[in-house]
C-alpha cells in the first residue's frame, strides 16, 4: 500500500516553519560570532577557545544557510507545480520520503546512487 502524498498546504507550512526556525538559529549564531553580548576576553588562552568556538559556529551557520537554500528551492518547486518529482529520473518521490525530508529533490533510489558516486 502506497502512502497518500502530503497535501501542498501541509508541506508548504512545514517548509516555512523549518525555514523560520533556521533563520532564528542563524541570527543567534551571527550574534554569538560577533561577540556582541559576550566580547572576547583579555586572556589569550580563553580567546583561543572563543575563536575555536567561532569556527564551530561558522559551520552551523553554513549548514543552516544550505538548508534554507534547499527549502527555498522546494518552495519554488511547489510554486511551479513540480514538487515531489525526482530531479534525476522524473519519477514521483515516495510520500514517506517527502514527509521525512520535505525539501528532498531526489527519490530514494537516485539519492542512493548519487551518494555511491
PDB file of N, CA and C in Angstrom:
ATOM      1  N   UNK A   1       0.830  -1.179   0.000  1.00  0.00           N
ATOM      2  CA  UNK A   1       0.000   0.000   0.000  1.00  0.00           C
ATOM      3  C   UNK A   1       0.879   1.248   0.000  1.00  0.00           C
ATOM      4  N   UNK A   2       0.665   2.132  -0.929  1.00  0.00           N
ATOM      5  CA  UNK A   2       1.435   3.356  -1.039  1.00  0.00           C
ATOM      6  C   UNK A   2       0.776   4.460  -0.219  1.00  0.00           C
ATOM      7  N   UNK A   3       1.596   5.206   0.504  1.00  0.00           N
ATOM      8  CA  UNK A   3       1.068   6.301   1.316  1.00  0.00           C
ATOM      9  C   UNK A   3       0.568   7.424   0.417  1.00  0.00           C
ATOM     10  N   UNK A   4      -0.446   8.105   0.904  1.00  0.00           N
ATOM     11  CA  UNK A   4      -1.000   9.237   0.173  1.00  0.00           C
ATOM     12  C   UNK A   4      -0.002  10.401   0.232  1.00  0.00           C
ATOM     13  N   UNK A   5       0.230  11.071  -0.883  1.00  0.00           N
ATOM     14  CA  UNK A   5       1.158  12.199  -0.867  1.00  0.00           C
ATOM     15  C   UNK A   5       0.647  13.293   0.083  1.00  0.00           C
ATOM     16  N   UNK A   6       1.561  13.944   0.799  1.00  0.00           N
ATOM     17  CA  UNK A   6       1.136  15.030   1.675  1.00  0.00           C
ATOM     18  C   UNK A   6       0.557  16.169   0.842  1.00  0.00           C
ATOM     19  N   UNK A   7      -0.451  16.851   1.392  1.00  0.00           N
ATOM     20  CA  UNK A   7      -1.045  17.930   0.616  1.00  0.00           C
ATOM     21  C   UNK A   7      -0.102  19.148   0.607  1.00  0.00           C
ATOM     22  N   UNK A   8      -0.273  19.957  -0.419  1.00  0.00           N
ATOM     23  CA  UNK A   8       0.613  21.098  -0.658  1.00  0.00           C
ATOM     24  C   UNK A   8       0.642  22.070   0.521  1.00  0.00           C
ATOM     25  N   UNK A   9      -0.505  22.334   1.123  1.00  0.00           N
ATOM     26  CA  UNK A   9      -0.545  23.283   2.247  1.00  0.00           C
ATOM     27  C   UNK A   9       0.260  22.770   3.435  1.00  0.00           C
ATOM     28  N   UNK A  10       0.158  21.479   3.711  1.00  0.00           N
ATOM     29  CA  UNK A  10       0.902  20.891   4.824  1.00  0.00           C
ATOM     30  C   UNK A  10       2.398  20.984   4.573  1.00  0.00           C
ATOM     31  N   UNK A  11       2.808  20.620   3.372  1.00  0.00           N
ATOM     32  CA  UNK A  11       4.236  20.677   3.018  1.00  0.00           C
ATOM     33  C   UNK A  11       4.730  22.115   3.066  1.00  0.00           C
ATOM     34  N   UNK A  12       3.998  23.029   2.481  1.00  0.00           N
ATOM     35  CA  UNK A  12       4.407  24.436   2.477  1.00  0.00           C
ATOM     36  C   UNK A  12       4.550  24.953   3.912  1.00  0.00           C
ATOM     37  N   UNK A  13       3.598  24.617   4.769  1.00  0.00           N
ATOM     38  CA  UNK A  13       3.651  25.067   6.167  1.00  0.00           C
ATOM     39  C   UNK A  13       4.869  24.483   6.887  1.00  0.00           C
ATOM     40  N   UNK A  14       5.141  23.205   6.644  1.00  0.00           N
ATOM     41  CA  UNK A  14       6.315  22.582   7.271  1.00  0.00           C
ATOM     42  C   UNK A  14       7.614  23.210   6.786  1.00  0.00           C
ATOM     43  N   UNK A  15       7.693  23.454   5.485  1.00  0.00           N
ATOM     44  CA  UNK A  15       8.900  24.084   4.936  1.00  0.00           C
ATOM     45  C   UNK A  15       9.082  25.494   5.492  1.00  0.00           C
ATOM     46  N   UNK A  16       8.016  26.257   5.544  1.00  0.00           N
ATOM     47  CA  UNK A  16       8.106  27.629   6.045  1.00  0.00           C
ATOM     48  C   UNK A  16       8.452  27.658   7.537  1.00  0.00           C
ATOM     49  N   UNK A  17       7.894  26.725   8.303  1.00  0.00           N
ATOM     50  CA  UNK A  17       8.212  26.663   9.731  1.00  0.00           C
ATOM     51  C   UNK A  17       9.685  26.316   9.947  1.00  0.00           C
ATOM     52  N   UNK A  18      10.179  25.351   9.175  1.00  0.00           N
ATOM     53  CA  UNK A  18      11.592  24.968   9.297  1.00  0.00           C
ATOM     54  C   UNK A  18      12.496  26.119   8.872  1.00  0.00           C
ATOM     55  N   UNK A  19      12.112  26.836   7.826  1.00  0.00           N
ATOM     56  CA  UNK A  19      12.888  27.989   7.357  1.00  0.00           C
ATOM     57  C   UNK A  19      12.959  29.053   8.444  1.00  0.00           C
ATOM     58  N   UNK A  20      11.838  29.338   9.093  1.00  0.00           N
ATOM     59  CA  UNK A  20      11.806  30.331  10.170  1.00  0.00           C
ATOM     60  C   UNK A  20      12.691  29.889  11.341  1.00  0.00           C
ATOM     61  N   UNK A  21      12.644  28.612  11.667  1.00  0.00           N
ATOM     62  CA  UNK A  21      13.482  28.067  12.740  1.00  0.00           C
ATOM     63  C   UNK A  21      14.966  28.247  12.407  1.00  0.00           C
ATOM     64  N   UNK A  22      15.329  27.954  11.166  1.00  0.00           N
ATOM     65  CA  UNK A  22      16.726  28.092  10.746  1.00  0.00           C
ATOM     66  C   UNK A  22      17.166  29.549  10.738  1.00  0.00           C
ATOM     67  N   UNK A  23      16.292  30.444  10.318  1.00  0.00           N
ATOM     68  CA  UNK A  23      16.629  31.879  10.324  1.00  0.00           C
ATOM     69  C   UNK A  23      16.863  32.363  11.752  1.00  0.00           C
ATOM     70  N   UNK A  24      16.031  31.911  12.693  1.00  0.00           N
ATOM     71  CA  UNK A  24      16.216  32.279  14.094  1.00  0.00           C
ATOM     72  C   UNK A  24      17.563  31.775  14.599  1.00  0.00           C
ATOM     73  N   UNK A  25      17.877  30.527  14.265  1.00  0.00           N
ATOM     74  CA  UNK A  25      19.169  29.958  14.658  1.00  0.00           C
ATOM     75  C   UNK A  25      20.310  30.758  14.052  1.00  0.00           C
ATOM     76  N   UNK A  26      20.159  31.124  12.800  1.00  0.00           N
ATOM     77  CA  UNK A  26      21.209  31.862  12.109  1.00  0.00           C
ATOM     78  C   UNK A  26      21.441  33.225  12.770  1.00  0.00           C
ATOM     79  N   UNK A  27      20.387  33.903  13.176  1.00  0.00           N
ATOM     80  CA  UNK A  27      20.524  35.197  13.852  1.00  0.00           C
ATOM     81  C   UNK A  27      21.292  35.019  15.158  1.00  0.00           C
ATOM     82  N   UNK A  28      20.958  33.976  15.922  1.00  0.00           N
ATOM     83  CA  UNK A  28      21.665  33.721  17.183  1.00  0.00           C
ATOM     84  C   UNK A  28      23.137  33.408  16.940  1.00  0.00           C
ATOM     85  N   UNK A  29      23.414  32.618  15.904  1.00  0.00           N
ATOM     86  CA  UNK A  29      24.797  32.267  15.595  1.00  0.00           C
ATOM     87  C   UNK A  29      25.572  33.522  15.194  1.00  0.00           C
ATOM     88  N   UNK A  30      24.990  34.349  14.357  1.00  0.00           N
ATOM     89  CA  UNK A  30      25.653  35.594  13.949  1.00  0.00           C
ATOM     90  C   UNK A  30      25.936  36.484  15.150  1.00  0.00           C
ATOM     91  N   UNK A  31      24.979  36.555  16.062  1.00  0.00           N
ATOM     92  CA  UNK A  31      25.163  37.360  17.271  1.00  0.00           C
ATOM     93  C   UNK A  31      26.318  36.791  18.089  1.00  0.00           C
ATOM     94  N   UNK A  32      26.358  35.477  18.253  1.00  0.00           N
ATOM     95  CA  UNK A  32      27.430  34.842  19.019  1.00  0.00           C
ATOM     96  C   UNK A  32      28.781  35.004  18.341  1.00  0.00           C
ATOM     97  N   UNK A  33      28.788  34.879  17.028  1.00  0.00           N
ATOM     98  CA  UNK A  33      30.057  35.050  16.284  1.00  0.00           C
ATOM     99  C   UNK A  33      30.560  36.474  16.353  1.00  0.00           C
ATOM    100  N   UNK A  34      29.655  37.435  16.443  1.00  0.00           N
ATOM    101  CA  UNK A  34      30.051  38.834  16.516  1.00  0.00           C
ATOM    102  C   UNK A  34      30.469  39.273  17.902  1.00  0.00           C
ATOM    103  N   UNK A  35      30.293  38.383  18.878  1.00  0.00           N
ATOM    104  CA  UNK A  35      30.660  38.676  20.261  1.00  0.00           C
ATOM    105  C   UNK A  35      30.041  39.978  20.757  1.00  0.00           C
ATOM    106  N   UNK A  36      28.802  40.233  20.351  1.00  0.00           N
ATOM    107  CA  UNK A  36      28.134  41.462  20.781  1.00  0.00           C
ATOM    108  C   UNK A  36      27.658  41.377  22.224  1.00  0.00           C
ATOM    109  N   UNK A  37      27.263  40.191  22.673  1.00  0.00           N
ATOM    110  CA  UNK A  37      26.796  40.052  24.049  1.00  0.00           C
ATOM    111  C   UNK A  37      27.894  39.562  24.985  1.00  0.00           C
ATOM    112  N   UNK A  38      28.887  38.896  24.428  1.00  0.00           N
ATOM    113  CA  UNK A  38      29.981  38.374  25.230  1.00  0.00           C
ATOM    114  C   UNK A  38      31.278  38.642  24.470  1.00  0.00           C
ATOM    115  N   UNK A  39      31.883  39.835  24.682  1.00  0.00           N
ATOM    116  CA  UNK A  39      33.091  40.183  23.931  1.00  0.00           C
ATOM    117  C   UNK A  39      34.253  39.245  24.253  1.00  0.00           C
ATOM    118  N   UNK A  40      35.242  39.253  23.363  1.00  0.00           N
ATOM    119  CA  UNK A  40      36.435  38.437  23.594  1.00  0.00           C
ATOM    120  C   UNK A  40      37.092  38.855  24.905  1.00  0.00           C
ATOM    121  N   UNK A  41      37.529  37.854  25.661  1.00  0.00           N
ATOM    122  CA  UNK A  41      38.184  38.123  26.937  1.00  0.00           C
ATOM    123  C   UNK A  41      39.635  38.510  26.704  1.00  0.00           C
ATOM    124  N   UNK A  42      40.260  39.071  27.731  1.00  0.00           N
ATOM    125  CA  UNK A  42      41.646  39.529  27.603  1.00  0.00           C
ATOM    126  C   UNK A  42      42.642  38.372  27.623  1.00  0.00           C
ATOM    127  N   UNK A  43      42.313  37.300  28.305  1.00  0.00           N
ATOM    128  CA  UNK A  43      43.212  36.157  28.430  1.00  0.00           C
ATOM    129  C   UNK A  43      43.380  35.457  27.086  1.00  0.00           C
ATOM    130  N   UNK A  44      44.644  35.277  26.654  1.00  0.00           N
ATOM    131  CA  UNK A  44      44.929  34.707  25.345  1.00  0.00           C
ATOM    132  C   UNK A  44      44.373  33.290  25.201  1.00  0.00           C
ATOM    133  N   UNK A  45      44.526  32.452  26.244  1.00  0.00           N
ATOM    134  CA  UNK A  45      44.038  31.067  26.176  1.00  0.00           C
ATOM    135  C   UNK A  45      42.522  31.042  26.023  1.00  0.00           C
ATOM    136  N   UNK A  46      41.844  31.906  26.741  1.00  0.00           N
ATOM    137  CA  UNK A  46      40.384  31.987  26.627  1.00  0.00           C
ATOM    138  C   UNK A  46      39.975  32.492  25.239  1.00  0.00           C
ATOM    139  N   UNK A  47      40.747  33.449  24.712  1.00  0.00           N
ATOM    140  CA  UNK A  47      40.464  33.944  23.358  1.00  0.00           C
ATOM    141  C   UNK A  47      40.597  32.820  22.343  1.00  0.00           C
ATOM    142  N   UNK A  48      41.590  31.960  22.534  1.00  0.00           N
ATOM    143  CA  UNK A  48      41.793  30.831  21.614  1.00  0.00           C
ATOM    144  C   UNK A  48      40.562  29.919  21.634  1.00  0.00           C
ATOM    145  N   UNK A  49      40.031  29.665  22.827  1.00  0.00           N
ATOM    146  CA  UNK A  49      38.824  28.845  22.925  1.00  0.00           C
ATOM    147  C   UNK A  49      37.634  29.531  22.264  1.00  0.00           C
ATOM    148  N   UNK A  50      37.514  30.832  22.486  1.00  0.00           N
ATOM    149  CA  UNK A  50      36.395  31.562  21.885  1.00  0.00           C
ATOM    150  C   UNK A  50      36.481  31.543  20.363  1.00  0.00           C
ATOM    151  N   UNK A  51      37.666  31.724  19.823  1.00  0.00           N
ATOM    152  CA  UNK A  51      37.788  31.716  18.359  1.00  0.00           C
ATOM    153  C   UNK A  51      37.614  30.305  17.806  1.00  0.00           C
ATOM    154  N   UNK A  52      37.988  29.300  18.588  1.00  0.00           N
ATOM    155  CA  UNK A  52      37.732  27.917  18.170  1.00  0.00           C
ATOM    156  C   UNK A  52      36.220  27.687  18.107  1.00  0.00           C
ATOM    157  N   UNK A  53      35.501  28.208  19.070  1.00  0.00           N
ATOM    158  CA  UNK A  53      34.039  28.114  19.055  1.00  0.00           C
ATOM    159  C   UNK A  53      33.465  28.845  17.845  1.00  0.00           C
ATOM    160  N   UNK A  54      34.109  29.926  17.442  1.00  0.00           N
ATOM    161  CA  UNK A  54      33.643  30.660  16.262  1.00  0.00           C
ATOM    162  C   UNK A  54      33.669  29.777  15.018  1.00  0.00           C
ATOM    163  N   UNK A  55      34.690  28.928  14.915  1.00  0.00           N
ATOM    164  CA  UNK A  55      34.782  28.020  13.762  1.00  0.00           C
ATOM    165  C   UNK A  55      33.607  27.044  13.767  1.00  0.00           C
ATOM    166  N   UNK A  56      33.234  26.547  14.935  1.00  0.00           N
ATOM    167  CA  UNK A  56      32.083  25.655  15.046  1.00  0.00           C
ATOM    168  C   UNK A  56      30.813  26.400  14.655  1.00  0.00           C
ATOM    169  N   UNK A  57      30.675  27.627  15.173  1.00  0.00           N
ATOM    170  CA  UNK A  57      29.501  28.436  14.846  1.00  0.00           C
ATOM    171  C   UNK A  57      29.419  28.715  13.348  1.00  0.00           C
ATOM    172  N   UNK A  58      30.565  28.925  12.718  1.00  0.00           N
ATOM    173  CA  UNK A  58      30.587  29.159  11.274  1.00  0.00           C
ATOM    174  C   UNK A  58      30.062  27.939  10.517  1.00  0.00           C
ATOM    175  N   UNK A  59      30.425  26.751  10.999  1.00  0.00           N
ATOM    176  CA  UNK A  59      29.923  25.516  10.381  1.00  0.00           C
ATOM    177  C   UNK A  59      28.420  25.384  10.545  1.00  0.00           C
ATOM    178  N   UNK A  60      27.924  25.718  11.726  1.00  0.00           N
ATOM    179  CA  UNK A  60      26.479  25.670  11.989  1.00  0.00           C
ATOM    180  C   UNK A  60      25.763  26.662  11.088  1.00  0.00           C
ATOM    181  N   UNK A  61      26.326  27.850  10.962  1.00  0.00           N
ATOM    182  CA  UNK A  61      25.737  28.885  10.114  1.00  0.00           C
ATOM    183  C   UNK A  61      25.697  28.425   8.656  1.00  0.00           C
ATOM    184  N   UNK A  62      26.790  27.836   8.192  1.00  0.00           N
ATOM    185  CA  UNK A  62      26.838  27.352   6.812  1.00  0.00           C
ATOM    186  C   UNK A  62      25.817  26.258   6.548  1.00  0.00           C
ATOM    187  N   UNK A  63      25.656  25.356   7.510  1.00  0.00           N
ATOM    188  CA  UNK A  63      24.667  24.280   7.363  1.00  0.00           C
ATOM    189  C   UNK A  63      23.255  24.851   7.324  1.00  0.00           C
ATOM    190  N   UNK A  64      22.995  25.851   8.167  1.00  0.00           N
ATOM    191  CA  UNK A  64      21.670  26.486   8.173  1.00  0.00           C
ATOM    192  C   UNK A  64      21.402  27.168   6.838  1.00  0.00           C
ATOM    193  N   UNK A  65      22.388  27.888   6.324  1.00  0.00           N
ATOM    194  CA  UNK A  65      22.210  28.563   5.034  1.00  0.00           C
ATOM    195  C   UNK A  65      21.969  27.562   3.907  1.00  0.00           C
ATOM    196  N   UNK A  66      22.677  26.442   3.933  1.00  0.00           N
ATOM    197  CA  UNK A  66      22.494  25.415   2.898  1.00  0.00           C
ATOM    198  C   UNK A  66      21.088  24.834   2.970  1.00  0.00           C
ATOM    199  N   UNK A  67      20.607  24.569   4.181  1.00  0.00           N
ATOM    200  CA  UNK A  67      19.262  24.006   4.308  1.00  0.00           C
ATOM    201  C   UNK A  67      18.203  25.029   3.907  1.00  0.00           C
ATOM    202  N   UNK A  68      18.436  26.293   4.226  1.00  0.00           N
ATOM    203  CA  UNK A  68      17.497  27.353   3.811  1.00  0.00           C
ATOM    204  C   UNK A  68      17.425  27.401   2.290  1.00  0.00           C
ATOM    205  N   UNK A  69      18.555  27.278   1.623  1.00  0.00           N
ATOM    206  CA  UNK A  69      18.567  27.279   0.153  1.00  0.00           C
ATOM    207  C   UNK A  69      17.778  26.090  -0.390  1.00  0.00           C
ATOM    208  N   UNK A  70      17.916  24.913   0.247  1.00  0.00           N
ATOM    209  CA  UNK A  70      17.159  23.733  -0.181  1.00  0.00           C
ATOM    210  C   UNK A  70      15.661  23.949   0.019  1.00  0.00           C
ATOM    211  N   UNK A  71      15.307  24.563   1.131  1.00  0.00           N
ATOM    212  CA  UNK A  71      13.897  24.837   1.416  1.00  0.00           C
ATOM    213  C   UNK A  71      13.344  25.838   0.405  1.00  0.00           C
ATOM    214  N   UNK A  72      14.107  26.885   0.110  1.00  0.00           N
ATOM    215  CA  UNK A  72      13.659  27.864  -0.882  1.00  0.00           C
ATOM    216  C   UNK A  72      13.443  27.196  -2.243  1.00  0.00           C
ATOM    217  N   UNK A  73      14.342  26.279  -2.601  1.00  0.00           N
ATOM    218  CA  UNK A  73      14.191  25.561  -3.871  1.00  0.00           C
ATOM    219  C   UNK A  73      12.939  24.689  -3.851  1.00  0.00           C
ATOM    220  N   UNK A  74      12.664  24.046  -2.710  1.00  0.00           N
ATOM    221  CA  UNK A  74      11.454  23.212  -2.599  1.00  0.00           C
ATOM    222  C   UNK A  74      10.198  24.079  -2.713  1.00  0.00           C
ATOM    223  N   UNK A  75      10.218  25.253  -2.088  1.00  0.00           N
ATOM    224  CA  UNK A  75       9.071  26.164  -2.195  1.00  0.00           C
ATOM    225  C   UNK A  75       8.872  26.619  -3.642  1.00  0.00           C
ATOM    226  N   UNK A  76       9.956  26.840  -4.350  1.00  0.00           N
ATOM    227  CA  UNK A  76       9.870  27.203  -5.767  1.00  0.00           C
ATOM    228  C   UNK A  76       9.268  26.048  -6.566  1.00  0.00           C
ATOM    229  N   UNK A  77       9.697  24.807  -6.277  1.00  0.00           N
ATOM    230  CA  UNK A  77       9.127  23.652  -6.977  1.00  0.00           C
ATOM    231  C   UNK A  77       7.625  23.543  -6.699  1.00  0.00           C
ATOM    232  N   UNK A  78       7.219  23.840  -5.473  1.00  0.00           N
ATOM    233  CA  UNK A  78       5.789  23.851  -5.149  1.00  0.00           C
ATOM    234  C   UNK A  78       5.063  24.885  -6.001  1.00  0.00           C
ATOM    235  N   UNK A  79       5.630  26.098  -6.070  1.00  0.00           N
ATOM    236  CA  UNK A  79       5.016  27.183  -6.845  1.00  0.00           C
ATOM    237  C   UNK A  79       4.915  26.834  -8.326  1.00  0.00           C
ATOM    238  N   UNK A  80       5.915  26.126  -8.834  1.00  0.00           N
ATOM    239  CA  UNK A  80       5.963  25.806 -10.262  1.00  0.00           C
ATOM    240  C   UNK A  80       5.229  24.505 -10.607  1.00  0.00           C
ATOM    241  N   UNK A  81       4.755  23.798  -9.579  1.00  0.00           N
ATOM    242  CA  UNK A  81       3.961  22.601  -9.821  1.00  0.00           C
ATOM    243  C   UNK A  81       4.726  21.319 -10.050  1.00  0.00           C
ATOM    244  N   UNK A  82       6.012  21.271  -9.736  1.00  0.00           N
ATOM    245  CA  UNK A  82       6.728  20.009  -9.912  1.00  0.00           C
ATOM    246  C   UNK A  82       7.412  19.541  -8.643  1.00  0.00           C
ATOM    247  N   UNK A  83       6.844  19.929  -7.517  1.00  0.00           N
ATOM    248  CA  UNK A  83       7.306  19.417  -6.229  1.00  0.00           C
ATOM    249  C   UNK A  83       6.958  17.933  -6.144  1.00  0.00           C
ATOM    250  N   UNK A  84       7.872  17.154  -5.584  1.00  0.00           N
ATOM    251  CA  UNK A  84       7.606  15.730  -5.408  1.00  0.00           C
ATOM    252  C   UNK A  84       8.014  14.873  -6.588  1.00  0.00           C
ATOM    253  N   UNK A  85       8.630  15.483  -7.596  1.00  0.00           N
ATOM    254  CA  UNK A  85       9.132  14.749  -8.751  1.00  0.00           C
ATOM    255  C   UNK A  85      10.653  14.708  -8.651  1.00  0.00           C
ATOM    256  N   UNK A  86      11.223  13.534  -8.809  1.00  0.00           N
ATOM    257  CA  UNK A  86      12.671  13.369  -8.706  1.00  0.00           C
ATOM    258  C   UNK A  86      13.377  14.220  -9.762  1.00  0.00           C
ATOM    259  N   UNK A  87      14.373  14.950  -9.336  1.00  0.00           N
ATOM    260  CA  UNK A  87      15.136  15.800 -10.237  1.00  0.00           C
ATOM    261  C   UNK A  87      16.027  15.038 -11.199  1.00  0.00           C
ATOM    262  N   UNK A  88      16.224  13.733 -10.965  1.00  0.00           N
ATOM    263  CA  UNK A  88      17.073  12.940 -11.845  1.00  0.00           C
ATOM    264  C   UNK A  88      16.242  12.051 -12.766  1.00  0.00           C
ATOM    265  N   UNK A  89      15.406  11.184 -12.190  1.00  0.00           N
ATOM    266  CA  UNK A  89      14.682  10.200 -13.010  1.00  0.00           C
ATOM    267  C   UNK A  89      13.269  10.657 -13.387  1.00  0.00           C
ATOM    268  N   UNK A  90      12.816  11.762 -12.812  1.00  0.00           N
ATOM    269  CA  UNK A  90      11.498  12.363 -13.090  1.00  0.00           C
ATOM    270  C   UNK A  90      10.319  11.519 -12.608  1.00  0.00           C
ATOM    271  N   UNK A  91      10.594  10.509 -11.768  1.00  0.00           N
ATOM    272  CA  UNK A  91       9.537   9.699 -11.175  1.00  0.00           C
ATOM    273  C   UNK A  91       9.077  10.375  -9.873  1.00  0.00           C
ATOM    274  N   UNK A  92       7.874  10.052  -9.413  1.00  0.00           N
ATOM    275  CA  UNK A  92       7.414  10.637  -8.151  1.00  0.00           C
ATOM    276  C   UNK A  92       8.298  10.200  -6.976  1.00  0.00           C
ATOM    277  N   UNK A  93       8.562  11.128  -6.083  1.00  0.00           N
ATOM    278  CA  UNK A  93       9.297  10.822  -4.858  1.00  0.00           C
ATOM    279  C   UNK A  93       8.292  10.229  -3.873  1.00  0.00           C
ATOM    280  N   UNK A  94       8.683   9.150  -3.208  1.00  0.00           N
ATOM    281  CA  UNK A  94       7.805   8.476  -2.251  1.00  0.00           C
ATOM    282  C   UNK A  94       7.283   9.475  -1.212  1.00  0.00           C
ATOM    283  N   UNK A  95       5.986   9.483  -0.972  1.00  0.00           N
ATOM    284  CA  UNK A  95       5.399  10.413   0.005  1.00  0.00           C
ATOM    285  C   UNK A  95       6.021  10.310   1.396  1.00  0.00           C
ATOM    286  N   UNK A  96       6.433   9.105   1.791  1.00  0.00           N
ATOM    287  CA  UNK A  96       7.076   8.951   3.101  1.00  0.00           C
ATOM    288  C   UNK A  96       8.406   9.705   3.149  1.00  0.00           C
ATOM    289  N   UNK A  97       9.115   9.708   2.037  1.00  0.00           N
ATOM    290  CA  UNK A  97      10.376  10.468   1.970  1.00  0.00           C
ATOM    291  C   UNK A  97      10.084  11.959   2.076  1.00  0.00           C
ATOM    292  N   UNK A  98       9.037  12.402   1.397  1.00  0.00           N
ATOM    293  CA  UNK A  98       8.695  13.828   1.448  1.00  0.00           C
ATOM    294  C   UNK A  98       8.238  14.252   2.837  1.00  0.00           C
ATOM    295  N   UNK A  99       7.594  13.339   3.557  1.00  0.00           N
ATOM    296  CA  UNK A  99       7.215  13.651   4.938  1.00  0.00           C
ATOM    297  C   UNK A  99       8.450  13.758   5.827  1.00  0.00           C
ATOM    298  N   UNK A 100       9.424  12.897   5.579  1.00  0.00           N
ATOM    299  CA  UNK A 100      10.645  12.902   6.379  1.00  0.00           C
ATOM    300  C   UNK A 100      11.580  14.043   5.992  1.00  0.00           C
ATOM    301  N   UNK A 101      11.705  14.281   4.694  1.00  0.00           N
ATOM    302  CA  UNK A 101      12.617  15.310   4.173  1.00  0.00           C
ATOM    303  C   UNK A 101      11.845  16.119   3.132  1.00  0.00           C
ATOM    304  N   UNK A 102      11.048  17.098   3.573  1.00  0.00           N
ATOM    305  CA  UNK A 102      10.180  17.811   2.628  1.00  0.00           C
ATOM    306  C   UNK A 102      10.931  18.554   1.520  1.00  0.00           C
ATOM    307  N   UNK A 103      12.204  18.838   1.725  1.00  0.00           N
ATOM    308  CA  UNK A 103      12.964  19.537   0.688  1.00  0.00           C
ATOM    309  C   UNK A 103      13.702  18.574  -0.250  1.00  0.00           C
ATOM    310  N   UNK A 104      13.420  17.275  -0.133  1.00  0.00           N
ATOM    311  CA  UNK A 104      14.085  16.276  -0.971  1.00  0.00           C
ATOM    312  C   UNK A 104      13.862  16.574  -2.446  1.00  0.00           C
ATOM    313  N   UNK A 105      14.931  16.467  -3.211  1.00  0.00           N
ATOM    314  CA  UNK A 105      14.852  16.710  -4.652  1.00  0.00           C
ATOM    315  C   UNK A 105      15.036  15.416  -5.442  1.00  0.00           C
ATOM    316  N   UNK A 106      15.517  14.365  -4.764  1.00  0.00           N
ATOM    317  CA  UNK A 106      15.741  13.077  -5.414  1.00  0.00           C
ATOM    318  C   UNK A 106      14.945  11.989  -4.712  1.00  0.00           C
ATOM    319  N   UNK A 107      14.512  10.993  -5.470  1.00  0.00           N
ATOM    320  CA  UNK A 107      13.875   9.817  -4.880  1.00  0.00           C
ATOM    321  C   UNK A 107      14.947   9.018  -4.132  1.00  0.00           C
ATOM    322  N   UNK A 108      14.528   8.050  -3.346  1.00  0.00           N
ATOM    323  CA  UNK A 108      15.471   7.258  -2.560  1.00  0.00           C
ATOM    324  C   UNK A 108      16.488   6.563  -3.459  1.00  0.00           C
ATOM    325  N   UNK A 109      16.019   5.992  -4.556  1.00  0.00           N
ATOM    326  CA  UNK A 109      16.902   5.268  -5.462  1.00  0.00           C
ATOM    327  C   UNK A 109      17.987   6.188  -6.048  1.00  0.00           C
ATOM    328  N   UNK A 110      17.571   7.339  -6.551  1.00  0.00           N
ATOM    329  CA  UNK A 110      18.540   8.262  -7.145  1.00  0.00           C
ATOM    330  C   UNK A 110      19.461   8.882  -6.093  1.00  0.00           C
ATOM    331  N   UNK A 111      18.926   9.158  -4.896  1.00  0.00           N
ATOM    332  CA  UNK A 111      19.750   9.691  -3.815  1.00  0.00           C
ATOM    333  C   UNK A 111      20.812   8.680  -3.423  1.00  0.00           C
ATOM    334  N   UNK A 112      20.426   7.398  -3.386  1.00  0.00           N
ATOM    335  CA  UNK A 112      21.394   6.346  -3.058  1.00  0.00           C
ATOM    336  C   UNK A 112      22.480   6.225  -4.100  1.00  0.00           C
ATOM    337  N   UNK A 113      22.109   6.282  -5.367  1.00  0.00           N
ATOM    338  CA  UNK A 113      23.130   6.170  -6.413  1.00  0.00           C
ATOM    339  C   UNK A 113      24.003   7.414  -6.463  1.00  0.00           C
ATOM    340  N   UNK A 114      23.460   8.573  -6.123  1.00  0.00           N
ATOM    341  CA  UNK A 114      24.255   9.802  -6.078  1.00  0.00           C
ATOM    342  C   UNK A 114      25.275   9.731  -4.938  1.00  0.00           C
ATOM    343  N   UNK A 115      24.871   9.142  -3.817  1.00  0.00           N
ATOM    344  CA  UNK A 115      25.764   9.028  -2.661  1.00  0.00           C
ATOM    345  C   UNK A 115      26.895   8.025  -2.919  1.00  0.00           C
ATOM    346  N   UNK A 116      26.604   7.010  -3.734  1.00  0.00           N
ATOM    347  CA  UNK A 116      27.621   5.997  -4.025  1.00  0.00           C
ATOM    348  C   UNK A 116      28.632   6.473  -5.053  1.00  0.00           C
ATOM    349  N   UNK A 117      28.313   7.545  -5.715  1.00  0.00           N
ATOM    350  CA  UNK A 117      29.323   8.042  -6.587  1.00  0.00           C
ATOM    351  C   UNK A 117      28.937   8.318  -7.949  1.00  0.00           C
TER     352      UNK A 117
END
